[in-house]
Protein backbone atom coordinates (compact mmCIF):
# COMPACT_ATOMS: atom_id res chain seq x y z
CA MET A 1 120.19 169.43 87.73
CA PHE A 2 118.29 171.96 89.84
CA ALA A 3 119.80 170.74 93.10
CA ALA A 4 123.35 170.66 91.73
CA LEU A 5 123.19 174.22 90.43
CA GLN A 6 121.49 175.45 93.59
CA GLN A 7 124.28 173.87 95.67
CA ARG A 8 126.98 175.52 93.55
CA ALA A 9 125.23 178.87 93.82
CA ALA A 10 124.76 178.56 97.59
CA ALA A 11 128.44 177.70 98.03
CA ALA A 12 129.35 180.80 96.01
CA GLY A 13 126.82 182.99 97.86
CA ILE A 14 124.83 183.64 94.69
CA PRO A 15 121.05 183.82 95.07
CA LEU A 16 119.07 182.05 92.35
CA ARG A 17 115.38 182.31 91.69
CA ASN A 18 113.35 179.16 92.32
CA PRO A 19 113.35 176.63 89.48
CA PRO A 20 110.09 176.00 87.65
CA PRO A 21 107.76 173.50 89.33
CA GLU A 22 107.10 170.17 87.64
CA PRO A 23 103.68 170.00 86.00
CA THR A 24 100.93 168.06 87.71
CA THR A 25 98.31 168.12 84.96
CA CYS A 26 99.82 165.83 82.29
CA CYS A 27 97.29 163.36 80.91
CA GLY A 28 99.96 161.04 79.49
CA ARG A 29 98.55 161.01 75.95
CA GLY A 30 101.46 162.82 74.27
CA CYS A 31 99.42 165.90 73.40
CA ASN A 32 100.71 168.59 71.09
CA GLY A 33 101.81 171.40 73.40
CA CYS A 34 102.10 169.06 76.40
CA VAL A 35 102.70 170.70 79.76
CA TRP A 36 106.06 168.88 79.85
CA GLU A 37 107.21 170.77 76.76
CA GLY A 38 106.62 174.05 78.57
CA PHE A 39 108.31 172.75 81.69
CA LEU A 40 111.39 171.60 79.77
CA ALA A 41 111.67 174.97 78.03
CA ALA A 42 111.38 176.78 81.38
CA ALA A 43 113.90 174.41 82.98
CA GLU A 44 116.43 175.06 80.20
CA TYR A 45 115.93 178.82 80.56
CA TRP A 46 116.46 178.52 84.33
CA ARG A 47 119.62 176.41 83.78
CA GLN A 48 121.09 178.91 81.33
CA GLU A 49 120.33 181.80 83.68
CA ALA A 50 121.89 179.96 86.64
CA LEU A 51 125.03 179.13 84.64
CA LEU A 52 125.40 182.78 83.59
CA MET A 53 125.14 183.91 87.18
CA LEU A 54 127.68 181.30 88.31
CA GLU A 55 130.14 182.38 85.63
CA GLY A 56 129.94 185.80 87.12
């Protein structure tokens, strides 16, 4: 998803901020408040922001 939106933005000459980095500290135990939950929320926010910028 990140790469596809970054390609579309680059082709349109629209600068996007960097997407959120994937977490590296997950323990794999399915914790409440897992780092992946935060990442997915940040990724969705980034996607929405990128789509708004692409719509112009």
